[in-house]
Amino acid sequence: MQAGKLRHRVVPQKFISVQDPQTGEIVKKWVNLVQFTDDNGIWAEVYPSSAREFTAAQATQNEITTRITIRRLDDITPKCRILYRGKIYNVEGVLPDPVSGLEYLTLPCSEGLNDG
């Protein structure tokens, strides 16, 4: 993977459950996977690949399928989401690179169905 292709800044997030210390209530929230950069982001290639419109529950829904390529990140799973330019992309799968499987990951993502 050429470093020049990774020119977009994205923020990967995961959904966790934590207990509120004051109330004891279990609170679910999204947290950033990367904490060591100023913007909690990583470099990626974001490539929109298709779009479709469909009807579900008598309402029109839009889905934009996007391919996001990142350097290998062990914590990323299909339960994660990616923030990019104010939009939320739901990770639908995690595909390792075809050569070594250790250099980068390709993430097929959808946008527009839910908040992750």
PDB file of N, CA and C in Angstrom:
ATOM      1  N   MET A   1       0.856  -1.174   0.000  1.00  0.00           N
ATOM      2  CA  MET A   1       0.000   0.000   0.000  1.00  0.00           C
ATOM      3  C   MET A   1       0.893   1.225   0.000  1.00  0.00           C
ATOM      4  N   GLN A   2       0.665   2.102  -0.936  1.00  0.00           N
ATOM      5  CA  GLN A   2       1.424   3.344  -1.009  1.00  0.00           C
ATOM      6  C   GLN A   2       0.883   4.331   0.024  1.00  0.00           C
ATOM      7  N   ALA A   3       1.792   4.927   0.780  1.00  0.00           N
ATOM      8  CA  ALA A   3       1.375   5.854   1.839  1.00  0.00           C
ATOM      9  C   ALA A   3       0.597   7.040   1.284  1.00  0.00           C
ATOM     10  N   GLY A   4       0.889   7.467   0.054  1.00  0.00           N
ATOM     11  CA  GLY A   4       0.199   8.599  -0.544  1.00  0.00           C
ATOM     12  C   GLY A   4      -1.285   8.374  -0.758  1.00  0.00           C
ATOM     13  N   LYS A   5      -1.710   7.122  -0.856  1.00  0.00           N
ATOM     14  CA  LYS A   5      -3.134   6.830  -1.023  1.00  0.00           C
ATOM     15  C   LYS A   5      -3.912   7.036   0.274  1.00  0.00           C
ATOM     16  N   LEU A   6      -3.227   6.940   1.395  1.00  0.00           N
ATOM     17  CA  LEU A   6      -3.878   7.136   2.694  1.00  0.00           C
ATOM     18  C   LEU A   6      -3.861   8.622   3.021  1.00  0.00           C
ATOM     19  N   ARG A   7      -4.783   9.361   2.400  1.00  0.00           N
ATOM     20  CA  ARG A   7      -4.766  10.822   2.504  1.00  0.00           C
ATOM     21  C   ARG A   7      -5.994  11.400   3.215  1.00  0.00           C
ATOM     22  N   HIS A   8      -6.863  10.556   3.709  1.00  0.00           N
ATOM     23  CA  HIS A   8      -8.061  11.011   4.411  1.00  0.00           C
ATOM     24  C   HIS A   8      -7.916  10.699   5.902  1.00  0.00           C
ATOM     25  N   ARG A   9      -8.400  11.599   6.732  1.00  0.00           N
ATOM     26  CA  ARG A   9      -8.317  11.411   8.178  1.00  0.00           C
ATOM     27  C   ARG A   9      -9.654  10.877   8.675  1.00  0.00           C
ATOM     28  N   VAL A  10      -9.662   9.696   9.277  1.00  0.00           N
ATOM     29  CA  VAL A  10     -10.884   9.074   9.780  1.00  0.00           C
ATOM     30  C   VAL A  10     -10.708   8.748  11.261  1.00  0.00           C
ATOM     31  N   VAL A  11     -11.836   8.596  11.959  1.00  0.00           N
ATOM     32  CA  VAL A  11     -11.819   8.258  13.384  1.00  0.00           C
ATOM     33  C   VAL A  11     -12.596   6.956  13.573  1.00  0.00           C
ATOM     34  N   PRO A  12     -11.903   5.845  13.858  1.00  0.00           N
ATOM     35  CA  PRO A  12     -12.607   4.591  14.142  1.00  0.00           C
ATOM     36  C   PRO A  12     -13.137   4.590  15.573  1.00  0.00           C
ATOM     37  N   GLN A  13     -14.355   4.039  15.756  1.00  0.00           N
ATOM     38  CA  GLN A  13     -14.971   3.993  17.078  1.00  0.00           C
ATOM     39  C   GLN A  13     -15.553   2.614  17.342  1.00  0.00           C
ATOM     40  N   LYS A  14     -15.647   2.269  18.642  1.00  0.00           N
ATOM     41  CA  LYS A  14     -16.313   1.030  19.038  1.00  0.00           C
ATOM     42  C   LYS A  14     -17.368   1.354  20.089  1.00  0.00           C
ATOM     43  N   PHE A  15     -18.369   0.482  20.190  1.00  0.00           N
ATOM     44  CA  PHE A  15     -19.491   0.650  21.106  1.00  0.00           C
ATOM     45  C   PHE A  15     -19.181  -0.122  22.382  1.00  0.00           C
ATOM     46  N   ILE A  16     -19.225   0.552  23.518  1.00  0.00           N
ATOM     47  CA  ILE A  16     -18.935  -0.122  24.785  1.00  0.00           C
ATOM     48  C   ILE A  16     -20.040   0.154  25.803  1.00  0.00           C
ATOM     49  N   SER A  17     -20.086  -0.698  26.811  1.00  0.00           N
ATOM     50  CA  SER A  17     -20.991  -0.510  27.944  1.00  0.00           C
ATOM     51  C   SER A  17     -20.148  -0.214  29.172  1.00  0.00           C
ATOM     52  N   VAL A  18     -20.485   0.855  29.860  1.00  0.00           N
ATOM     53  CA  VAL A  18     -19.783   1.219  31.095  1.00  0.00           C
ATOM     54  C   VAL A  18     -20.816   1.502  32.178  1.00  0.00           C
ATOM     55  N   GLN A  19     -20.414   1.304  33.410  1.00  0.00           N
ATOM     56  CA  GLN A  19     -21.314   1.569  34.525  1.00  0.00           C
ATOM     57  C   GLN A  19     -21.061   2.969  35.068  1.00  0.00           C
ATOM     58  N   ASP A  20     -22.130   3.738  35.172  1.00  0.00           N
ATOM     59  CA  ASP A  20     -22.035   5.082  35.738  1.00  0.00           C
ATOM     60  C   ASP A  20     -21.714   4.951  37.228  1.00  0.00           C
ATOM     61  N   PRO A  21     -20.608   5.540  37.693  1.00  0.00           N
ATOM     62  CA  PRO A  21     -20.225   5.376  39.099  1.00  0.00           C
ATOM     63  C   PRO A  21     -21.201   6.017  40.086  1.00  0.00           C
ATOM     64  N   GLN A  22     -21.965   7.005  39.652  1.00  0.00           N
ATOM     65  CA  GLN A  22     -22.887   7.688  40.566  1.00  0.00           C
ATOM     66  C   GLN A  22     -24.224   6.975  40.675  1.00  0.00           C
ATOM     67  N   THR A  23     -24.746   6.485  39.547  1.00  0.00           N
ATOM     68  CA  THR A  23     -26.074   5.875  39.563  1.00  0.00           C
ATOM     69  C   THR A  23     -26.046   4.358  39.474  1.00  0.00           C
ATOM     70  N   GLY A  24     -24.944   3.791  39.010  1.00  0.00           N
ATOM     71  CA  GLY A  24     -24.871   2.346  38.823  1.00  0.00           C
ATOM     72  C   GLY A  24     -25.504   1.879  37.527  1.00  0.00           C
ATOM     73  N   GLU A  25     -26.054   2.813  36.784  1.00  0.00           N
ATOM     74  CA  GLU A  25     -26.709   2.494  35.517  1.00  0.00           C
ATOM     75  C   GLU A  25     -25.667   2.096  34.467  1.00  0.00           C
ATOM     76  N   ILE A  26     -26.017   1.116  33.635  1.00  0.00           N
ATOM     77  CA  ILE A  26     -25.153   0.722  32.524  1.00  0.00           C
ATOM     78  C   ILE A  26     -25.435   1.668  31.361  1.00  0.00           C
ATOM     79  N   VAL A  27     -24.395   2.357  30.921  1.00  0.00           N
ATOM     80  CA  VAL A  27     -24.513   3.333  29.837  1.00  0.00           C
ATOM     81  C   VAL A  27     -23.733   2.810  28.639  1.00  0.00           C
ATOM     82  N   LYS A  28     -24.357   2.840  27.471  1.00  0.00           N
ATOM     83  CA  LYS A  28     -23.686   2.416  26.242  1.00  0.00           C
ATOM     84  C   LYS A  28     -23.279   3.653  25.466  1.00  0.00           C
ATOM     85  N   LYS A  29     -22.041   3.654  24.981  1.00  0.00           N
ATOM     86  CA  LYS A  29     -21.568   4.819  24.241  1.00  0.00           C
ATOM     87  C   LYS A  29     -20.471   4.412  23.263  1.00  0.00           C
ATOM     88  N   TRP A  30     -20.234   5.303  22.290  1.00  0.00           N
ATOM     89  CA  TRP A  30     -19.168   5.119  21.316  1.00  0.00           C
ATOM     90  C   TRP A  30     -17.899   5.772  21.852  1.00  0.00           C
ATOM     91  N   VAL A  31     -16.776   5.049  21.751  1.00  0.00           N
ATOM     92  CA  VAL A  31     -15.479   5.596  22.153  1.00  0.00           C
ATOM     93  C   VAL A  31     -14.495   5.431  21.000  1.00  0.00           C
ATOM     94  N   ASN A  32     -13.541   6.333  20.921  1.00  0.00           N
ATOM     95  CA  ASN A  32     -12.536   6.285  19.861  1.00  0.00           C
ATOM     96  C   ASN A  32     -11.559   5.140  20.112  1.00  0.00           C
ATOM     97  N   LEU A  33     -11.229   4.405  19.047  1.00  0.00           N
ATOM     98  CA  LEU A  33     -10.252   3.321  19.156  1.00  0.00           C
ATOM     99  C   LEU A  33      -8.833   3.848  19.298  1.00  0.00           C
ATOM    100  N   VAL A  34      -8.576   5.012  18.734  1.00  0.00           N
ATOM    101  CA  VAL A  34      -7.233   5.590  18.740  1.00  0.00           C
ATOM    102  C   VAL A  34      -7.240   6.800  19.663  1.00  0.00           C
ATOM    103  N   GLN A  35      -6.394   6.784  20.671  1.00  0.00           N
ATOM    104  CA  GLN A  35      -6.358   7.868  21.648  1.00  0.00           C
ATOM    105  C   GLN A  35      -5.058   8.659  21.609  1.00  0.00           C
ATOM    106  N   PHE A  36      -4.104   8.240  20.790  1.00  0.00           N
ATOM    107  CA  PHE A  36      -2.760   8.819  20.869  1.00  0.00           C
ATOM    108  C   PHE A  36      -2.484   9.929  19.869  1.00  0.00           C
ATOM    109  N   THR A  37      -3.469  10.377  19.118  1.00  0.00           N
ATOM    110  CA  THR A  37      -3.277  11.501  18.203  1.00  0.00           C
ATOM    111  C   THR A  37      -4.147  12.669  18.653  1.00  0.00           C
ATOM    112  N   ASP A  38      -3.840  13.863  18.184  1.00  0.00           N
ATOM    113  CA  ASP A  38      -4.595  15.054  18.595  1.00  0.00           C
ATOM    114  C   ASP A  38      -6.072  14.958  18.245  1.00  0.00           C
ATOM    115  N   ASP A  39      -6.371  14.409  17.067  1.00  0.00           N
ATOM    116  CA  ASP A  39      -7.765  14.324  16.626  1.00  0.00           C
ATOM    117  C   ASP A  39      -8.339  12.913  16.756  1.00  0.00           C
ATOM    118  N   ASN A  40      -7.625  12.004  17.418  1.00  0.00           N
ATOM    119  CA  ASN A  40      -8.035  10.607  17.576  1.00  0.00           C
ATOM    120  C   ASN A  40      -8.215   9.905  16.240  1.00  0.00           C
ATOM    121  N   GLY A  41      -7.602  10.423  15.191  1.00  0.00           N
ATOM    122  CA  GLY A  41      -7.794   9.876  13.861  1.00  0.00           C
ATOM    123  C   GLY A  41      -6.602   9.096  13.347  1.00  0.00           C
ATOM    124  N   ILE A  42      -6.847   8.398  12.245  1.00  0.00           N
ATOM    125  CA  ILE A  42      -5.807   7.661  11.541  1.00  0.00           C
ATOM    126  C   ILE A  42      -5.925   7.982  10.059  1.00  0.00           C
ATOM    127  N   TRP A  43      -4.870   7.718   9.305  1.00  0.00           N
ATOM    128  CA  TRP A  43      -4.874   7.966   7.871  1.00  0.00           C
ATOM    129  C   TRP A  43      -5.536   6.802   7.150  1.00  0.00           C
ATOM    130  N   ALA A  44      -6.334   7.124   6.139  1.00  0.00           N
ATOM    131  CA  ALA A  44      -7.086   6.108   5.409  1.00  0.00           C
ATOM    132  C   ALA A  44      -7.312   6.558   3.972  1.00  0.00           C
ATOM    133  N   GLU A  45      -7.729   5.600   3.151  1.00  0.00           N
ATOM    134  CA  GLU A  45      -8.228   5.911   1.815  1.00  0.00           C
ATOM    135  C   GLU A  45      -9.732   5.647   1.849  1.00  0.00           C
ATOM    136  N   VAL A  46     -10.523   6.651   1.534  1.00  0.00           N
ATOM    137  CA  VAL A  46     -11.978   6.522   1.517  1.00  0.00           C
ATOM    138  C   VAL A  46     -12.418   6.564   0.062  1.00  0.00           C
ATOM    139  N   TYR A  47     -13.044   5.465  -0.389  1.00  0.00           N
ATOM    140  CA  TYR A  47     -13.402   5.334  -1.797  1.00  0.00           C
ATOM    141  C   TYR A  47     -14.872   4.935  -1.914  1.00  0.00           C
ATOM    142  N   PRO A  48     -15.761   5.867  -2.295  1.00  0.00           N
ATOM    143  CA  PRO A  48     -17.169   5.507  -2.498  1.00  0.00           C
ATOM    144  C   PRO A  48     -17.286   4.567  -3.690  1.00  0.00           C
ATOM    145  N   SER A  49     -17.998   3.457  -3.512  1.00  0.00           N
ATOM    146  CA  SER A  49     -18.059   2.488  -4.600  1.00  0.00           C
ATOM    147  C   SER A  49     -19.440   2.299  -5.204  1.00  0.00           C
ATOM    148  N   SER A  50     -20.517   2.528  -4.444  1.00  0.00           N
ATOM    149  CA  SER A  50     -21.854   2.410  -5.035  1.00  0.00           C
ATOM    150  C   SER A  50     -22.879   3.075  -4.123  1.00  0.00           C
ATOM    151  N   ALA A  51     -24.073   3.258  -4.661  1.00  0.00           N
ATOM    152  CA  ALA A  51     -25.177   3.812  -3.881  1.00  0.00           C
ATOM    153  C   ALA A  51     -26.457   3.119  -4.314  1.00  0.00           C
ATOM    154  N   ARG A  52     -27.375   2.959  -3.387  1.00  0.00           N
ATOM    155  CA  ARG A  52     -28.663   2.382  -3.752  1.00  0.00           C
ATOM    156  C   ARG A  52     -29.742   2.945  -2.842  1.00  0.00           C
ATOM    157  N   GLU A  53     -30.953   2.876  -3.329  1.00  0.00           N
ATOM    158  CA  GLU A  53     -32.105   3.344  -2.569  1.00  0.00           C
ATOM    159  C   GLU A  53     -33.068   2.175  -2.458  1.00  0.00           C
ATOM    160  N   PHE A  54     -33.640   1.969  -1.278  1.00  0.00           N
ATOM    161  CA  PHE A  54     -34.581   0.874  -1.104  1.00  0.00           C
ATOM    162  C   PHE A  54     -35.642   1.280  -0.096  1.00  0.00           C
ATOM    163  N   THR A  55     -36.722   0.506  -0.054  1.00  0.00           N
ATOM    164  CA  THR A  55     -37.816   0.790   0.856  1.00  0.00           C
ATOM    165  C   THR A  55     -37.837  -0.265   1.954  1.00  0.00           C
ATOM    166  N   ALA A  56     -37.824   0.185   3.192  1.00  0.00           N
ATOM    167  CA  ALA A  56     -37.905  -0.697   4.352  1.00  0.00           C
ATOM    168  C   ALA A  56     -38.872  -0.059   5.332  1.00  0.00           C
ATOM    169  N   ALA A  57     -39.804  -0.851   5.838  1.00  0.00           N
ATOM    170  CA  ALA A  57     -40.813  -0.369   6.784  1.00  0.00           C
ATOM    171  C   ALA A  57     -41.553   0.838   6.222  1.00  0.00           C
ATOM    172  N   GLN A  58     -41.890   0.768   4.963  1.00  0.00           N
ATOM    173  CA  GLN A  58     -42.646   1.794   4.247  1.00  0.00           C
ATOM    174  C   GLN A  58     -41.972   3.159   4.266  1.00  0.00           C
ATOM    175  N   ALA A  59     -40.656   3.174   4.352  1.00  0.00           N
ATOM    176  CA  ALA A  59     -39.897   4.424   4.303  1.00  0.00           C
ATOM    177  C   ALA A  59     -38.708   4.230   3.372  1.00  0.00           C
ATOM    178  N   THR A  60     -38.423   5.239   2.602  1.00  0.00           N
ATOM    179  CA  THR A  60     -37.291   5.165   1.694  1.00  0.00           C
ATOM    180  C   THR A  60     -35.997   5.332   2.473  1.00  0.00           C
ATOM    181  N   GLN A  61     -35.071   4.415   2.258  1.00  0.00           N
ATOM    182  CA  GLN A  61     -33.763   4.440   2.914  1.00  0.00           C
ATOM    183  C   GLN A  61     -32.684   4.555   1.844  1.00  0.00           C
ATOM    184  N   ASN A  62     -31.599   5.207   2.175  1.00  0.00           N
ATOM    185  CA  ASN A  62     -30.462   5.298   1.271  1.00  0.00           C
ATOM    186  C   ASN A  62     -29.281   4.567   1.877  1.00  0.00           C
ATOM    187  N   GLU A  63     -28.529   3.900   1.024  1.00  0.00           N
ATOM    188  CA  GLU A  63     -27.311   3.247   1.476  1.00  0.00           C
ATOM    189  C   GLU A  63     -26.203   3.587   0.495  1.00  0.00           C
ATOM    190  N   ILE A  64     -25.135   4.122   1.006  1.00  0.00           N
ATOM    191  CA  ILE A  64     -23.969   4.398   0.184  1.00  0.00           C
ATOM    192  C   ILE A  64     -22.891   3.430   0.629  1.00  0.00           C
ATOM    193  N   THR A  65     -22.444   2.606  -0.279  1.00  0.00           N
ATOM    194  CA  THR A  65     -21.416   1.644   0.060  1.00  0.00           C
ATOM    195  C   THR A  65     -20.062   2.251  -0.244  1.00  0.00           C
ATOM    196  N   THR A  66     -19.196   2.213   0.732  1.00  0.00           N
ATOM    197  CA  THR A  66     -17.883   2.840   0.656  1.00  0.00           C
ATOM    198  C   THR A  66     -16.827   1.830   1.068  1.00  0.00           C
ATOM    199  N   ARG A  67     -15.672   1.944   0.456  1.00  0.00           N
ATOM    200  CA  ARG A  67     -14.535   1.098   0.829  1.00  0.00           C
ATOM    201  C   ARG A  67     -13.511   1.990   1.522  1.00  0.00           C
ATOM    202  N   ILE A  68     -13.163   1.651   2.753  1.00  0.00           N
ATOM    203  CA  ILE A  68     -12.174   2.410   3.515  1.00  0.00           C
ATOM    204  C   ILE A  68     -10.979   1.496   3.770  1.00  0.00           C
ATOM    205  N   THR A  69      -9.794   1.962   3.387  1.00  0.00           N
ATOM    206  CA  THR A  69      -8.569   1.194   3.592  1.00  0.00           C
ATOM    207  C   THR A  69      -7.724   1.898   4.644  1.00  0.00           C
ATOM    208  N   ILE A  70      -7.304   1.136   5.654  1.00  0.00           N
ATOM    209  CA  ILE A  70      -6.488   1.678   6.743  1.00  0.00           C
ATOM    210  C   ILE A  70      -5.287   0.764   6.980  1.00  0.00           C
ATOM    211  N   ARG A  71      -4.282   1.286   7.658  1.00  0.00           N
ATOM    212  CA  ARG A  71      -3.211   0.411   8.128  1.00  0.00           C
ATOM    213  C   ARG A  71      -3.804  -0.525   9.168  1.00  0.00           C
ATOM    214  N   ARG A  72      -3.185  -1.667   9.335  1.00  0.00           N
ATOM    215  CA  ARG A  72      -3.717  -2.686  10.241  1.00  0.00           C
ATOM    216  C   ARG A  72      -3.973  -2.109  11.635  1.00  0.00           C
ATOM    217  N   LEU A  73      -5.152  -2.391  12.155  1.00  0.00           N
ATOM    218  CA  LEU A  73      -5.573  -1.968  13.490  1.00  0.00           C
ATOM    219  C   LEU A  73      -6.279  -3.169  14.110  1.00  0.00           C
ATOM    220  N   ASP A  74      -5.691  -3.768  15.132  1.00  0.00           N
ATOM    221  CA  ASP A  74      -6.191  -5.030  15.676  1.00  0.00           C
ATOM    222  C   ASP A  74      -7.582  -4.933  16.297  1.00  0.00           C
ATOM    223  N   ASP A  75      -7.960  -3.770  16.807  1.00  0.00           N
ATOM    224  CA  ASP A  75      -9.233  -3.637  17.526  1.00  0.00           C
ATOM    225  C   ASP A  75     -10.446  -3.469  16.619  1.00  0.00           C
ATOM    226  N   ILE A  76     -10.258  -3.301  15.324  1.00  0.00           N
ATOM    227  CA  ILE A  76     -11.392  -3.017  14.440  1.00  0.00           C
ATOM    228  C   ILE A  76     -12.167  -4.303  14.134  1.00  0.00           C
ATOM    229  N   THR A  77     -13.493  -4.237  14.255  1.00  0.00           N
ATOM    230  CA  THR A  77     -14.381  -5.373  13.984  1.00  0.00           C
ATOM    231  C   THR A  77     -15.596  -4.862  13.206  1.00  0.00           C
ATOM    232  N   PRO A  78     -16.431  -5.768  12.705  1.00  0.00           N
ATOM    233  CA  PRO A  78     -17.655  -5.320  12.030  1.00  0.00           C
ATOM    234  C   PRO A  78     -18.650  -4.610  12.948  1.00  0.00           C
ATOM    235  N   LYS A  79     -18.410  -4.600  14.248  1.00  0.00           N
ATOM    236  CA  LYS A  79     -19.280  -3.877  15.179  1.00  0.00           C
ATOM    237  C   LYS A  79     -18.849  -2.425  15.355  1.00  0.00           C
ATOM    238  N   CYS A  80     -17.762  -2.038  14.708  1.00  0.00           N
ATOM    239  CA  CYS A  80     -17.229  -0.677  14.823  1.00  0.00           C
ATOM    240  C   CYS A  80     -17.869   0.251  13.794  1.00  0.00           C
ATOM    241  N   ARG A  81     -17.549   1.523  13.916  1.00  0.00           N
ATOM    242  CA  ARG A  81     -17.966   2.503  12.922  1.00  0.00           C
ATOM    243  C   ARG A  81     -16.802   3.456  12.668  1.00  0.00           C
ATOM    244  N   ILE A  82     -16.894   4.187  11.554  1.00  0.00           N
ATOM    245  CA  ILE A  82     -15.862   5.133  11.158  1.00  0.00           C
ATOM    246  C   ILE A  82     -16.512   6.505  11.002  1.00  0.00           C
ATOM    247  N   LEU A  83     -15.907   7.535  11.585  1.00  0.00           N
ATOM    248  CA  LEU A  83     -16.356   8.910  11.381  1.00  0.00           C
ATOM    249  C   LEU A  83     -15.449   9.551  10.342  1.00  0.00           C
ATOM    250  N   TYR A  84     -16.075  10.168   9.333  1.00  0.00           N
ATOM    251  CA  TYR A  84     -15.309  10.833   8.278  1.00  0.00           C
ATOM    252  C   TYR A  84     -16.109  12.018   7.756  1.00  0.00           C
ATOM    253  N   ARG A  85     -15.548  13.198   7.872  1.00  0.00           N
ATOM    254  CA  ARG A  85     -16.173  14.444   7.404  1.00  0.00           C
ATOM    255  C   ARG A  85     -17.607  14.613   7.915  1.00  0.00           C
ATOM    256  N   GLY A  86     -17.812  14.320   9.179  1.00  0.00           N
ATOM    257  CA  GLY A  86     -19.116  14.502   9.796  1.00  0.00           C
ATOM    258  C   GLY A  86     -20.129  13.416   9.485  1.00  0.00           C
ATOM    259  N   LYS A  87     -19.722  12.375   8.792  1.00  0.00           N
ATOM    260  CA  LYS A  87     -20.626  11.272   8.456  1.00  0.00           C
ATOM    261  C   LYS A  87     -20.202  10.019   9.202  1.00  0.00           C
ATOM    262  N   ILE A  88     -21.172   9.135   9.414  1.00  0.00           N
ATOM    263  CA  ILE A  88     -20.930   7.882  10.113  1.00  0.00           C
ATOM    264  C   ILE A  88     -20.990   6.742   9.108  1.00  0.00           C
ATOM    265  N   TYR A  89     -19.964   5.917   9.099  1.00  0.00           N
ATOM    266  CA  TYR A  89     -19.897   4.747   8.227  1.00  0.00           C
ATOM    267  C   TYR A  89     -19.873   3.500   9.104  1.00  0.00           C
ATOM    268  N   ASN A  90     -20.813   2.595   8.877  1.00  0.00           N
ATOM    269  CA  ASN A  90     -20.890   1.349   9.628  1.00  0.00           C
ATOM    270  C   ASN A  90     -19.983   0.319   8.969  1.00  0.00           C
ATOM    271  N   VAL A  91     -19.087  -0.273   9.731  1.00  0.00           N
ATOM    272  CA  VAL A  91     -18.174  -1.283   9.195  1.00  0.00           C
ATOM    273  C   VAL A  91     -18.954  -2.580   9.004  1.00  0.00           C
ATOM    274  N   GLU A  92     -19.011  -3.067   7.769  1.00  0.00           N
ATOM    275  CA  GLU A  92     -19.749  -4.285   7.440  1.00  0.00           C
ATOM    276  C   GLU A  92     -18.856  -5.520   7.431  1.00  0.00           C
ATOM    277  N   GLY A  93     -17.551  -5.326   7.333  1.00  0.00           N
ATOM    278  CA  GLY A  93     -16.609  -6.446   7.308  1.00  0.00           C
ATOM    279  C   GLY A  93     -15.190  -5.933   7.445  1.00  0.00           C
ATOM    280  N   VAL A  94     -14.268  -6.843   7.733  1.00  0.00           N
ATOM    281  CA  VAL A  94     -12.851  -6.499   7.869  1.00  0.00           C
ATOM    282  C   VAL A  94     -12.063  -7.475   7.003  1.00  0.00           C
ATOM    283  N   LEU A  95     -11.449  -6.956   5.936  1.00  0.00           N
ATOM    284  CA  LEU A  95     -10.717  -7.795   4.993  1.00  0.00           C
ATOM    285  C   LEU A  95      -9.224  -7.487   5.068  1.00  0.00           C
ATOM    286  N   PRO A  96      -8.384  -8.476   5.420  1.00  0.00           N
ATOM    287  CA  PRO A  96      -6.939  -8.232   5.450  1.00  0.00           C
ATOM    288  C   PRO A  96      -6.379  -8.125   4.039  1.00  0.00           C
ATOM    289  N   ASP A  97      -5.191  -7.527   3.920  1.00  0.00           N
ATOM    290  CA  ASP A  97      -4.599  -7.404   2.591  1.00  0.00           C
ATOM    291  C   ASP A  97      -4.274  -8.801   2.051  1.00  0.00           C
ATOM    292  N   PRO A  98      -4.357  -8.983   0.726  1.00  0.00           N
ATOM    293  CA  PRO A  98      -4.216 -10.319   0.143  1.00  0.00           C
ATOM    294  C   PRO A  98      -2.794 -10.874   0.150  1.00  0.00           C
ATOM    295  N   VAL A  99      -1.789 -10.046   0.362  1.00  0.00           N
ATOM    296  CA  VAL A  99      -0.411 -10.529   0.295  1.00  0.00           C
ATOM    297  C   VAL A  99       0.031 -11.118   1.637  1.00  0.00           C
ATOM    298  N   SER A 100       0.133 -10.293   2.660  1.00  0.00           N
ATOM    299  CA  SER A 100       0.611 -10.784   3.959  1.00  0.00           C
ATOM    300  C   SER A 100      -0.499 -10.868   4.997  1.00  0.00           C
ATOM    301  N   GLY A 101      -1.565 -10.101   4.807  1.00  0.00           N
ATOM    302  CA  GLY A 101      -2.630 -10.042   5.797  1.00  0.00           C
ATOM    303  C   GLY A 101      -2.275  -9.212   7.014  1.00  0.00           C
ATOM    304  N   LEU A 102      -1.103  -8.584   6.990  1.00  0.00           N
ATOM    305  CA  LEU A 102      -0.621  -7.851   8.160  1.00  0.00           C
ATOM    306  C   LEU A 102      -0.390  -6.370   7.917  1.00  0.00           C
ATOM    307  N   GLU A 103      -0.439  -5.921   6.673  1.00  0.00           N
ATOM    308  CA  GLU A 103      -0.075  -4.540   6.365  1.00  0.00           C
ATOM    309  C   GLU A 103      -1.254  -3.576   6.478  1.00  0.00           C
ATOM    310  N   TYR A 104      -2.365  -3.895   5.842  1.00  0.00           N
ATOM    311  CA  TYR A 104      -3.513  -2.996   5.860  1.00  0.00           C
ATOM    312  C   TYR A 104      -4.807  -3.790   5.873  1.00  0.00           C
ATOM    313  N   LEU A 105      -5.914  -3.093   6.143  1.00  0.00           N
ATOM    314  CA  LEU A 105      -7.252  -3.681   6.165  1.00  0.00           C
ATOM    315  C   LEU A 105      -8.148  -2.901   5.224  1.00  0.00           C
ATOM    316  N   THR A 106      -9.021  -3.606   4.526  1.00  0.00           N
ATOM    317  CA  THR A 106     -10.055  -2.975   3.718  1.00  0.00           C
ATOM    318  C   THR A 106     -11.380  -3.184   4.437  1.00  0.00           C
ATOM    319  N   LEU A 107     -12.099  -2.082   4.650  1.00  0.00           N
ATOM    320  CA  LEU A 107     -13.352  -2.112   5.400  1.00  0.00           C
ATOM    321  C   LEU A 107     -14.509  -1.745   4.485  1.00  0.00           C
ATOM    322  N   PRO A 108     -15.319  -2.714   4.043  1.00  0.00           N
ATOM    323  CA  PRO A 108     -16.541  -2.356   3.328  1.00  0.00           C
ATOM    324  C   PRO A 108     -17.496  -1.697   4.329  1.00  0.00           C
ATOM    325  N   CYS A 109     -17.997  -0.518   4.004  1.00  0.00           N
ATOM    326  CA  CYS A 109     -18.828   0.246   4.942  1.00  0.00           C
ATOM    327  C   CYS A 109     -20.119   0.697   4.280  1.00  0.00           C
ATOM    328  N   SER A 110     -21.128   0.947   5.106  1.00  0.00           N
ATOM    329  CA  SER A 110     -22.382   1.514   4.620  1.00  0.00           C
ATOM    330  C   SER A 110     -22.645   2.806   5.376  1.00  0.00           C
ATOM    331  N   GLU A 111     -23.341   3.704   4.712  1.00  0.00           N
ATOM    332  CA  GLU A 111     -23.690   4.980   5.321  1.00  0.00           C
ATOM    333  C   GLU A 111     -25.164   5.229   5.083  1.00  0.00           C
ATOM    334  N   GLY A 112     -25.845   5.791   6.061  1.00  0.00           N
ATOM    335  CA  GLY A 112     -27.205   6.233   5.829  1.00  0.00           C
ATOM    336  C   GLY A 112     -28.286   5.348   6.401  1.00  0.00           C
ATOM    337  N   LEU A 113     -27.956   4.191   6.966  1.00  0.00           N
ATOM    338  CA  LEU A 113     -28.991   3.331   7.516  1.00  0.00           C
ATOM    339  C   LEU A 113     -29.249   3.586   8.992  1.00  0.00           C
ATOM    340  N   ASN A 114     -28.196   3.783   9.755  1.00  0.00           N
ATOM    341  CA  ASN A 114     -28.337   4.071  11.183  1.00  0.00           C
ATOM    342  C   ASN A 114     -27.086   4.777  11.677  1.00  0.00           C
ATOM    343  N   ASP A 115     -26.987   4.978  12.967  1.00  0.00           N
ATOM    344  CA  ASP A 115     -25.837   5.713  13.504  1.00  0.00           C
ATOM    345  C   ASP A 115     -24.676   4.805  13.866  1.00  0.00           C
ATOM    346  N   GLY A 116     -24.680   3.608  13.401  1.00  0.00           N
ATOM    347  CA  GLY A 116     -23.557   2.713  13.661  1.00  0.00           C
ATOM    348  C   GLY A 116     -23.965   1.561  14.482  1.00  0.00           C
TER     349      GLY A 116
END
